[in-house]
Amino acid sequence: MSANIRSLDGQDEATLLREIKNALRDLRFGSVEITVHNAQVVQIERKEKFRLQSPNGK
Protein backbone atom coordinates (compact mmCIF):
# COMPACT_ATOMS: atom_id res chain seq x y z
CA MET A 1 0.00 0.00 0.00
CA SER A 2 1.36 3.43 -0.84
CA ALA A 3 0.58 6.84 0.62
CA ASN A 4 0.15 10.05 -1.29
CA ILE A 5 2.67 12.45 0.26
CA ARG A 6 1.00 15.39 -1.49
CA SER A 7 -2.00 14.93 0.80
CA LEU A 8 0.02 15.84 3.91
CA ASP A 9 -1.16 19.37 4.64
CA GLY A 10 1.42 22.13 5.01
CA GLN A 11 4.50 19.96 4.53
CA ASP A 12 7.03 20.19 1.75
CA GLU A 13 7.11 16.96 -0.23
CA ALA A 14 10.77 17.37 -1.23
CA THR A 15 11.85 17.86 2.40
CA LEU A 16 9.93 14.80 3.58
CA LEU A 17 11.36 12.63 0.83
CA ARG A 18 14.88 13.88 1.55
CA GLU A 19 14.54 13.03 5.25
CA ILE A 20 13.17 9.56 4.48
CA LYS A 21 16.01 8.97 2.01
CA ASN A 22 18.55 10.05 4.66
CA ALA A 23 17.02 7.61 7.15
CA LEU A 24 17.37 4.79 4.61
CA ARG A 25 20.91 5.67 3.56
CA ASP A 26 23.42 2.89 4.35
CA LEU A 27 20.81 0.90 6.31
CA ARG A 28 21.64 -2.81 5.92
CA PHE A 29 19.48 -4.39 8.64
CA GLY A 30 16.69 -2.56 10.41
CA SER A 31 13.63 -0.44 9.78
CA VAL A 32 12.42 3.10 9.22
CA GLU A 33 9.16 4.10 10.90
CA ILE A 34 7.21 7.18 9.82
CA THR A 35 4.69 8.52 12.34
CA VAL A 36 1.78 10.61 11.06
CA HIS A 37 -0.56 12.63 13.31
CA ASN A 38 -3.43 14.72 11.93
CA ALA A 39 -2.15 14.27 8.36
CA GLN A 40 1.32 15.57 9.34
CA VAL A 41 4.53 13.59 9.47
CA VAL A 42 5.68 14.20 13.02
CA GLN A 43 8.52 11.71 13.37
CA ILE A 44 10.88 9.58 11.30
CA GLU A 45 12.59 6.90 13.38
CA ARG A 46 15.47 4.73 12.24
CA LYS A 47 16.19 1.43 13.98
CA GLU A 48 19.40 -0.25 12.94
CA LYS A 49 20.61 -3.73 13.79
CA PHE A 50 24.21 -4.83 13.60
CA ARG A 51 24.75 -8.49 12.74
CA LEU A 52 27.95 -9.88 14.16
CA GLN A 53 29.56 -12.99 12.71
CA SER A 54 31.32 -15.36 15.05
CA PRO A 55 34.97 -16.18 14.13
CA ASN A 56 34.14 -19.83 13.37
CA GLY A 57 31.06 -18.99 11.27
CA LYS A 58 28.43 -20.23 13.78
PDB file of N, CA and C in Angstrom:
ATOM      1  N   MET A   1       0.844  -1.177   0.000  1.00  0.00           N
ATOM      2  CA  MET A   1       0.000   0.000   0.000  1.00  0.00           C
ATOM      3  C   MET A   1       0.890   1.243   0.000  1.00  0.00           C
ATOM      4  N   SER A   2       0.559   2.214  -0.779  1.00  0.00           N
ATOM      5  CA  SER A   2       1.360   3.429  -0.838  1.00  0.00           C
ATOM      6  C   SER A   2       0.540   4.623  -0.370  1.00  0.00           C
ATOM      7  N   ALA A   3       1.227   5.619   0.150  1.00  0.00           N
ATOM      8  CA  ALA A   3       0.578   6.840   0.620  1.00  0.00           C
ATOM      9  C   ALA A   3       0.876   7.965  -0.346  1.00  0.00           C
ATOM     10  N   ASN A   4      -0.050   8.888  -0.444  1.00  0.00           N
ATOM     11  CA  ASN A   4       0.151  10.052  -1.289  1.00  0.00           C
ATOM     12  C   ASN A   4       0.717  11.179  -0.441  1.00  0.00           C
ATOM     13  N   ILE A   5       2.012  11.433  -0.562  1.00  0.00           N
ATOM     14  CA  ILE A   5       2.671  12.453   0.260  1.00  0.00           C
ATOM     15  C   ILE A   5       2.085  13.828   0.001  1.00  0.00           C
ATOM     16  N   ARG A   6       1.574  14.071  -1.181  1.00  0.00           N
ATOM     17  CA  ARG A   6       1.004  15.385  -1.493  1.00  0.00           C
ATOM     18  C   ARG A   6      -0.200  15.699  -0.605  1.00  0.00           C
ATOM     19  N   SER A   7      -0.816  14.696  -0.021  1.00  0.00           N
ATOM     20  CA  SER A   7      -1.998  14.933   0.802  1.00  0.00           C
ATOM     21  C   SER A   7      -1.649  15.397   2.217  1.00  0.00           C
ATOM     22  N   LEU A   8      -0.383  15.420   2.570  1.00  0.00           N
ATOM     23  CA  LEU A   8       0.020  15.839   3.910  1.00  0.00           C
ATOM     24  C   LEU A   8       0.038  17.365   3.962  1.00  0.00           C
ATOM     25  N   ASP A   9      -0.944  17.918   4.634  1.00  0.00           N
ATOM     26  CA  ASP A   9      -1.160  19.368   4.645  1.00  0.00           C
ATOM     27  C   ASP A   9       0.030  20.136   5.203  1.00  0.00           C
ATOM     28  N   GLY A  10       0.434  21.190   4.510  1.00  0.00           N
ATOM     29  CA  GLY A  10       1.419  22.126   5.012  1.00  0.00           C
ATOM     30  C   GLY A  10       2.850  21.623   5.070  1.00  0.00           C
ATOM     31  N   GLN A  11       3.140  20.476   4.485  1.00  0.00           N
ATOM     32  CA  GLN A  11       4.501  19.958   4.529  1.00  0.00           C
ATOM     33  C   GLN A  11       5.073  19.887   3.125  1.00  0.00           C
ATOM     34  N   ASP A  12       6.326  20.188   3.029  1.00  0.00           N
ATOM     35  CA  ASP A  12       7.025  20.192   1.755  1.00  0.00           C
ATOM     36  C   ASP A  12       7.391  18.764   1.364  1.00  0.00           C
ATOM     37  N   GLU A  13       6.872  18.324   0.228  1.00  0.00           N
ATOM     38  CA  GLU A  13       7.106  16.959  -0.231  1.00  0.00           C
ATOM     39  C   GLU A  13       8.590  16.666  -0.407  1.00  0.00           C
ATOM     40  N   ALA A  14       9.345  17.588  -0.982  1.00  0.00           N
ATOM     41  CA  ALA A  14      10.773  17.369  -1.226  1.00  0.00           C
ATOM     42  C   ALA A  14      11.532  17.190   0.086  1.00  0.00           C
ATOM     43  N   THR A  15      11.185  17.978   1.099  1.00  0.00           N
ATOM     44  CA  THR A  15      11.853  17.864   2.397  1.00  0.00           C
ATOM     45  C   THR A  15      11.550  16.516   3.046  1.00  0.00           C
ATOM     46  N   LEU A  16      10.298  16.094   3.004  1.00  0.00           N
ATOM     47  CA  LEU A  16       9.928  14.795   3.578  1.00  0.00           C
ATOM     48  C   LEU A  16      10.659  13.658   2.883  1.00  0.00           C
ATOM     49  N   LEU A  17      10.674  13.691   1.567  1.00  0.00           N
ATOM     50  CA  LEU A  17      11.357  12.631   0.829  1.00  0.00           C
ATOM     51  C   LEU A  17      12.854  12.620   1.105  1.00  0.00           C
ATOM     52  N   ARG A  18      13.450  13.793   1.246  1.00  0.00           N
ATOM     53  CA  ARG A  18      14.884  13.877   1.551  1.00  0.00           C
ATOM     54  C   ARG A  18      15.170  13.268   2.926  1.00  0.00           C
ATOM     55  N   GLU A  19      14.331  13.569   3.905  1.00  0.00           N
ATOM     56  CA  GLU A  19      14.544  13.028   5.253  1.00  0.00           C
ATOM     57  C   GLU A  19      14.352  11.510   5.287  1.00  0.00           C
ATOM     58  N   ILE A  20      13.384  11.010   4.551  1.00  0.00           N
ATOM     59  CA  ILE A  20      13.172   9.557   4.477  1.00  0.00           C
ATOM     60  C   ILE A  20      14.361   8.893   3.787  1.00  0.00           C
ATOM     61  N   LYS A  21      14.837   9.504   2.720  1.00  0.00           N
ATOM     62  CA  LYS A  21      16.008   8.974   2.010  1.00  0.00           C
ATOM     63  C   LYS A  21      17.227   8.952   2.922  1.00  0.00           C
ATOM     64  N   ASN A  22      17.427  10.008   3.713  1.00  0.00           N
ATOM     65  CA  ASN A  22      18.545  10.052   4.657  1.00  0.00           C
ATOM     66  C   ASN A  22      18.432   8.944   5.695  1.00  0.00           C
ATOM     67  N   ALA A  23      17.217   8.670   6.159  1.00  0.00           N
ATOM     68  CA  ALA A  23      17.023   7.612   7.150  1.00  0.00           C
ATOM     69  C   ALA A  23      17.347   6.241   6.557  1.00  0.00           C
ATOM     70  N   LEU A  24      17.107   6.068   5.270  1.00  0.00           N
ATOM     71  CA  LEU A  24      17.365   4.787   4.611  1.00  0.00           C
ATOM     72  C   LEU A  24      18.814   4.613   4.172  1.00  0.00           C
ATOM     73  N   ARG A  25      19.542   5.713   4.067  1.00  0.00           N
ATOM     74  CA  ARG A  25      20.910   5.674   3.556  1.00  0.00           C
ATOM     75  C   ARG A  25      21.789   4.740   4.400  1.00  0.00           C
ATOM     76  N   ASP A  26      22.466   3.830   3.736  1.00  0.00           N
ATOM     77  CA  ASP A  26      23.421   2.892   4.350  1.00  0.00           C
ATOM     78  C   ASP A  26      22.792   1.952   5.370  1.00  0.00           C
ATOM     79  N   LEU A  27      21.481   1.817   5.385  1.00  0.00           N
ATOM     80  CA  LEU A  27      20.808   0.895   6.311  1.00  0.00           C
ATOM     81  C   LEU A  27      20.857  -0.506   5.718  1.00  0.00           C
ATOM     82  N   ARG A  28      21.518  -1.429   6.418  1.00  0.00           N
ATOM     83  CA  ARG A  28      21.641  -2.808   5.916  1.00  0.00           C
ATOM     84  C   ARG A  28      20.627  -3.722   6.576  1.00  0.00           C
ATOM     85  N   PHE A  29      20.452  -3.595   7.889  1.00  0.00           N
ATOM     86  CA  PHE A  29      19.480  -4.392   8.637  1.00  0.00           C
ATOM     87  C   PHE A  29      18.744  -3.446   9.566  1.00  0.00           C
ATOM     88  N   GLY A  30      17.439  -3.417   9.513  1.00  0.00           N
ATOM     89  CA  GLY A  30      16.689  -2.558  10.409  1.00  0.00           C
ATOM     90  C   GLY A  30      15.394  -2.089   9.779  1.00  0.00           C
ATOM     91  N   SER A  31      14.902  -0.957  10.270  1.00  0.00           N
ATOM     92  CA  SER A  31      13.627  -0.443   9.782  1.00  0.00           C
ATOM     93  C   SER A  31      13.582   1.072   9.919  1.00  0.00           C
ATOM     94  N   VAL A  32      12.697   1.672   9.122  1.00  0.00           N
ATOM     95  CA  VAL A  32      12.423   3.100   9.216  1.00  0.00           C
ATOM     96  C   VAL A  32      10.921   3.219   9.466  1.00  0.00           C
ATOM     97  N   GLU A  33      10.564   3.920  10.530  1.00  0.00           N
ATOM     98  CA  GLU A  33       9.158   4.096  10.897  1.00  0.00           C
ATOM     99  C   GLU A  33       8.785   5.566  10.746  1.00  0.00           C
ATOM    100  N   ILE A  34       7.694   5.814  10.035  1.00  0.00           N
ATOM    101  CA  ILE A  34       7.206   7.175   9.817  1.00  0.00           C
ATOM    102  C   ILE A  34       5.908   7.328  10.593  1.00  0.00           C
ATOM    103  N   THR A  35       5.869   8.281  11.513  1.00  0.00           N
ATOM    104  CA  THR A  35       4.691   8.517  12.337  1.00  0.00           C
ATOM    105  C   THR A  35       3.946   9.731  11.807  1.00  0.00           C
ATOM    106  N   VAL A  36       2.643   9.549  11.576  1.00  0.00           N
ATOM    107  CA  VAL A  36       1.783  10.614  11.062  1.00  0.00           C
ATOM    108  C   VAL A  36       0.713  10.911  12.098  1.00  0.00           C
ATOM    109  N   HIS A  37       0.473  12.187  12.369  1.00  0.00           N
ATOM    110  CA  HIS A  37      -0.563  12.626  13.308  1.00  0.00           C
ATOM    111  C   HIS A  37      -1.304  13.801  12.678  1.00  0.00           C
ATOM    112  N   ASN A  38      -2.607  13.670  12.557  1.00  0.00           N
ATOM    113  CA  ASN A  38      -3.430  14.718  11.931  1.00  0.00           C
ATOM    114  C   ASN A  38      -2.905  15.100  10.549  1.00  0.00           C
ATOM    115  N   ALA A  39      -2.621  14.095   9.732  1.00  0.00           N
ATOM    116  CA  ALA A  39      -2.154  14.274   8.358  1.00  0.00           C
ATOM    117  C   ALA A  39      -0.809  14.996   8.269  1.00  0.00           C
ATOM    118  N   GLN A  40      -0.012  14.962   9.331  1.00  0.00           N
ATOM    119  CA  GLN A  40       1.317  15.574   9.340  1.00  0.00           C
ATOM    120  C   GLN A  40       2.337  14.513   9.752  1.00  0.00           C
ATOM    121  N   VAL A  41       3.442  14.440   9.025  1.00  0.00           N
ATOM    122  CA  VAL A  41       4.531  13.586   9.466  1.00  0.00           C
ATOM    123  C   VAL A  41       5.171  14.275  10.661  1.00  0.00           C
ATOM    124  N   VAL A  42       5.152  13.595  11.802  1.00  0.00           N
ATOM    125  CA  VAL A  42       5.678  14.201  13.023  1.00  0.00           C
ATOM    126  C   VAL A  42       6.986  13.564  13.466  1.00  0.00           C
ATOM    127  N   GLN A  43       7.307  12.386  12.918  1.00  0.00           N
ATOM    128  CA  GLN A  43       8.523  11.712  13.365  1.00  0.00           C
ATOM    129  C   GLN A  43       8.969  10.695  12.328  1.00  0.00           C
ATOM    130  N   ILE A  44      10.265  10.627  12.117  1.00  0.00           N
ATOM    131  CA  ILE A  44      10.875   9.581  11.302  1.00  0.00           C
ATOM    132  C   ILE A  44      11.913   8.914  12.194  1.00  0.00           C
ATOM    133  N   GLU A  45      11.715   7.629  12.455  1.00  0.00           N
ATOM    134  CA  GLU A  45      12.587   6.905  13.382  1.00  0.00           C
ATOM    135  C   GLU A  45      13.328   5.807  12.638  1.00  0.00           C
ATOM    136  N   ARG A  46      14.625   5.740  12.867  1.00  0.00           N
ATOM    137  CA  ARG A  46      15.474   4.725  12.242  1.00  0.00           C
ATOM    138  C   ARG A  46      15.947   3.763  13.319  1.00  0.00           C
ATOM    139  N   LYS A  47      15.710   2.476  13.082  1.00  0.00           N
ATOM    140  CA  LYS A  47      16.195   1.434  13.982  1.00  0.00           C
ATOM    141  C   LYS A  47      17.156   0.570  13.185  1.00  0.00           C
ATOM    142  N   GLU A  48      18.375   0.495  13.669  1.00  0.00           N
ATOM    143  CA  GLU A  48      19.398  -0.248  12.945  1.00  0.00           C
ATOM    144  C   GLU A  48      19.899  -1.409  13.781  1.00  0.00           C
ATOM    145  N   LYS A  49      20.079  -2.550  13.134  1.00  0.00           N
ATOM    146  CA  LYS A  49      20.615  -3.734  13.788  1.00  0.00           C
ATOM    147  C   LYS A  49      21.979  -4.039  13.195  1.00  0.00           C
ATOM    148  N   PHE A  50      22.883  -4.442  14.044  1.00  0.00           N
ATOM    149  CA  PHE A  50      24.210  -4.831  13.596  1.00  0.00           C
ATOM    150  C   PHE A  50      24.323  -6.338  13.778  1.00  0.00           C
ATOM    151  N   ARG A  51      24.604  -7.034  12.696  1.00  0.00           N
ATOM    152  CA  ARG A  51      24.748  -8.486  12.740  1.00  0.00           C
ATOM    153  C   ARG A  51      26.225  -8.813  12.863  1.00  0.00           C
ATOM    154  N   LEU A  52      26.558  -9.515  13.910  1.00  0.00           N
ATOM    155  CA  LEU A  52      27.951  -9.883  14.163  1.00  0.00           C
ATOM    156  C   LEU A  52      28.152 -11.346  13.785  1.00  0.00           C
ATOM    157  N   GLN A  53      29.221 -11.627  13.094  1.00  0.00           N
ATOM    158  CA  GLN A  53      29.557 -12.989  12.714  1.00  0.00           C
ATOM    159  C   GLN A  53      30.581 -13.526  13.709  1.00  0.00           C
ATOM    160  N   SER A  54      30.351 -14.749  14.161  1.00  0.00           N
ATOM    161  CA  SER A  54      31.321 -15.363  15.054  1.00  0.00           C
ATOM    162  C   SER A  54      32.550 -15.784  14.238  1.00  0.00           C
ATOM    163  N   PRO A  55      33.744 -15.836  14.861  1.00  0.00           N
ATOM    164  CA  PRO A  55      34.970 -16.178  14.125  1.00  0.00           C
ATOM    165  C   PRO A  55      34.917 -17.530  13.420  1.00  0.00           C
ATOM    166  N   ASN A  56      34.190 -18.514  13.989  1.00  0.00           N
ATOM    167  CA  ASN A  56      34.136 -19.835  13.373  1.00  0.00           C
ATOM    168  C   ASN A  56      32.922 -20.001  12.466  1.00  0.00           C
ATOM    169  N   GLY A  57      32.162 -18.934  12.217  1.00  0.00           N
ATOM    170  CA  GLY A  57      31.055 -18.990  11.274  1.00  0.00           C
ATOM    171  C   GLY A  57      29.744 -19.501  11.851  1.00  0.00           C
ATOM    172  N   LYS A  58      29.664 -19.724  13.153  1.00  0.00           N
ATOM    173  CA  LYS A  58      28.431 -20.228  13.777  1.00  0.00           C
ATOM    174  C   LYS A  58      27.587 -19.096  14.300  1.00  0.00           C
TER     175      LYS A  58
END
